[in-house]
Amino acid sequence: VASFNVLSAVVHRTGTLIEFSLLMITQTNLLVLAFAVAFFYSDEGTWEFADGVRLAWVGLWVILTFLLFNHIAVVNIKLSRLPKIVNSVNFGYEIDQSKVNVVSNLVTCDAGLKMYNVH
């Protein structure tokens, strides 16, 4: 329980520290997409090398952002599975009550990285 409490505290603190950064990345994505649409619609219909570079840059930016949010979701999924894993391990009959306490602590601590107060 003590080790998980430390892990939960670290994840919670990290989540609160990077939440503003994640919000800024989300807002920057919207801004980048808006500028990209504005650049593509402002041209006279001719395709130039700079248009391809802009398109590649916007595509790379969006893909990297999706990968970042995917990794955050993987961390949250792994943390949500931890109580089920501890509950399924057989420690013997004499430790069942301690296991119940550990699992209830894992469920109630609400560990994970949050954005907009959502896991």
Protein backbone atom coordinates (compact mmCIF):
# COMPACT_ATOMS: atom_id res chain seq x y z
CA VAL A 1 0.00 0.00 0.00
CA ALA A 2 2.78 2.41 0.88
CA SER A 3 4.56 1.92 -2.45
CA PHE A 4 1.36 2.44 -4.40
CA ASN A 5 0.54 5.56 -2.38
CA VAL A 6 3.92 7.01 -3.37
CA LEU A 7 3.31 6.05 -7.00
CA SER A 8 -0.18 7.53 -6.89
CA ALA A 9 1.11 10.76 -5.37
CA VAL A 10 3.82 11.07 -8.02
CA VAL A 11 1.36 10.42 -10.86
CA HIS A 12 -1.17 12.85 -9.39
CA ARG A 13 1.46 15.57 -8.94
CA THR A 14 2.82 15.00 -12.43
CA GLY A 15 -0.69 15.12 -13.83
CA THR A 16 -1.42 18.44 -12.21
CA LEU A 17 1.89 19.86 -13.42
CA ILE A 18 1.42 18.83 -17.05
CA GLU A 19 -2.31 19.55 -17.29
CA PHE A 20 -1.68 23.16 -18.34
CA SER A 21 0.85 22.00 -20.93
CA LEU A 22 -1.64 19.52 -22.37
CA LEU A 23 -4.26 22.25 -22.57
CA MET A 24 -1.80 24.51 -24.39
CA ILE A 25 -0.94 21.71 -26.84
CA THR A 26 -4.63 21.21 -27.56
CA GLN A 27 -5.18 24.91 -28.16
CA THR A 28 -2.05 25.12 -30.32
CA ASN A 29 -3.35 22.23 -32.44
CA LEU A 30 -6.53 24.14 -33.11
CA LEU A 31 -4.53 27.23 -34.03
CA VAL A 32 -2.19 25.28 -36.34
CA LEU A 33 -5.12 23.64 -38.10
CA ALA A 34 -6.86 27.01 -38.50
CA PHE A 35 -3.73 28.60 -40.01
CA ALA A 36 -3.22 25.61 -42.30
CA VAL A 37 -6.77 25.88 -43.62
CA ALA A 38 -6.33 29.63 -44.07
CA PHE A 39 -3.08 29.15 -46.02
CA PHE A 40 -4.56 26.50 -48.30
CA TYR A 41 -7.68 28.51 -49.06
CA SER A 42 -5.79 31.77 -49.63
CA ASP A 43 -3.78 30.41 -52.58
CA GLU A 44 -4.92 30.84 -56.17
CA GLY A 45 -5.15 27.11 -56.74
CA THR A 46 -1.53 26.48 -57.62
CA TRP A 47 0.43 23.87 -55.70
CA GLU A 48 3.92 24.91 -54.63
CA PHE A 49 6.68 23.26 -52.65
CA ALA A 50 5.90 25.43 -49.62
CA ASP A 51 2.36 24.04 -49.58
CA GLY A 52 3.71 20.52 -49.34
CA VAL A 53 6.04 21.51 -46.51
CA ARG A 54 3.15 23.14 -44.64
CA LEU A 55 0.97 20.09 -45.12
CA ALA A 56 3.73 17.75 -43.90
CA TRP A 57 4.39 19.96 -40.88
CA VAL A 58 0.71 20.13 -39.91
CA GLY A 59 0.32 16.38 -40.40
CA LEU A 60 3.39 15.62 -38.28
CA TRP A 61 2.19 18.00 -35.56
CA VAL A 62 -1.22 16.36 -35.38
CA ILE A 63 0.18 12.82 -35.43
CA LEU A 64 2.65 13.58 -32.62
CA THR A 65 -0.13 15.10 -30.53
CA PHE A 66 -2.33 12.05 -31.03
CA LEU A 67 0.60 9.83 -30.02
CA LEU A 68 1.14 11.88 -26.86
CA PHE A 69 -2.51 11.58 -25.85
CA ASN A 70 -2.45 7.87 -26.71
CA HIS A 71 0.48 7.29 -24.33
CA ILE A 72 -1.33 9.19 -21.60
CA ALA A 73 -4.37 6.97 -22.13
CA VAL A 74 -2.18 3.85 -21.92
CA VAL A 75 -0.81 4.98 -18.55
CA ASN A 76 -4.35 5.60 -17.26
CA ILE A 77 -5.54 2.19 -18.48
CA LYS A 78 -2.63 0.43 -16.78
CA LEU A 79 -3.29 2.27 -13.52
CA SER A 80 -6.99 1.41 -13.68
CA ARG A 81 -6.18 -2.30 -14.12
CA LEU A 82 -3.91 -2.45 -11.08
CA PRO A 83 -6.65 -3.11 -8.47
CA LYS A 84 -8.00 -6.01 -10.55
CA ILE A 85 -4.54 -7.53 -10.83
CA VAL A 86 -3.90 -7.28 -7.08
CA ASN A 87 -7.33 -8.73 -6.37
CA SER A 88 -6.69 -11.73 -8.62
CA VAL A 89 -3.37 -12.71 -7.02
CA ASN A 90 -3.66 -15.47 -4.42
CA PHE A 91 -1.57 -14.66 -1.34
CA GLY A 92 -3.10 -17.34 0.86
CA TYR A 93 -6.03 -17.42 3.24
CA GLU A 94 -4.38 -15.47 6.07
CA ILE A 95 -3.82 -12.33 4.01
CA ASP A 96 -7.27 -12.01 2.40
CA GLN A 97 -8.37 -9.15 4.68
CA SER A 98 -5.17 -7.23 3.98
CA LYS A 99 -5.70 -7.77 0.26
CA VAL A 100 -9.21 -6.35 0.55
CA ASN A 101 -7.80 -3.26 2.26
CA VAL A 102 -5.10 -2.84 -0.38
CA VAL A 103 -7.58 -3.19 -3.26
CA SER A 104 -10.04 -0.75 -1.70
CA ASN A 105 -7.20 1.74 -1.24
CA LEU A 106 -6.17 1.32 -4.88
CA VAL A 107 -9.74 1.90 -6.06
CA THR A 108 -10.35 5.00 -3.96
CA CYS A 109 -7.05 6.81 -4.58
CA ASP A 110 -8.05 7.78 -8.17
CA ALA A 111 -4.56 7.63 -9.67
CA GLY A 112 -4.03 8.75 -13.25
CA LEU A 113 -3.21 11.64 -15.52
CA LYS A 114 -6.13 13.98 -16.01
CA MET A 115 -7.03 16.57 -18.61
CA TYR A 116 -10.10 18.75 -18.14
CA ASN A 117 -10.60 16.72 -14.89
CA VAL A 118 -11.18 13.58 -17.00
CA HIS A 119 -8.94 10.50 -17.06
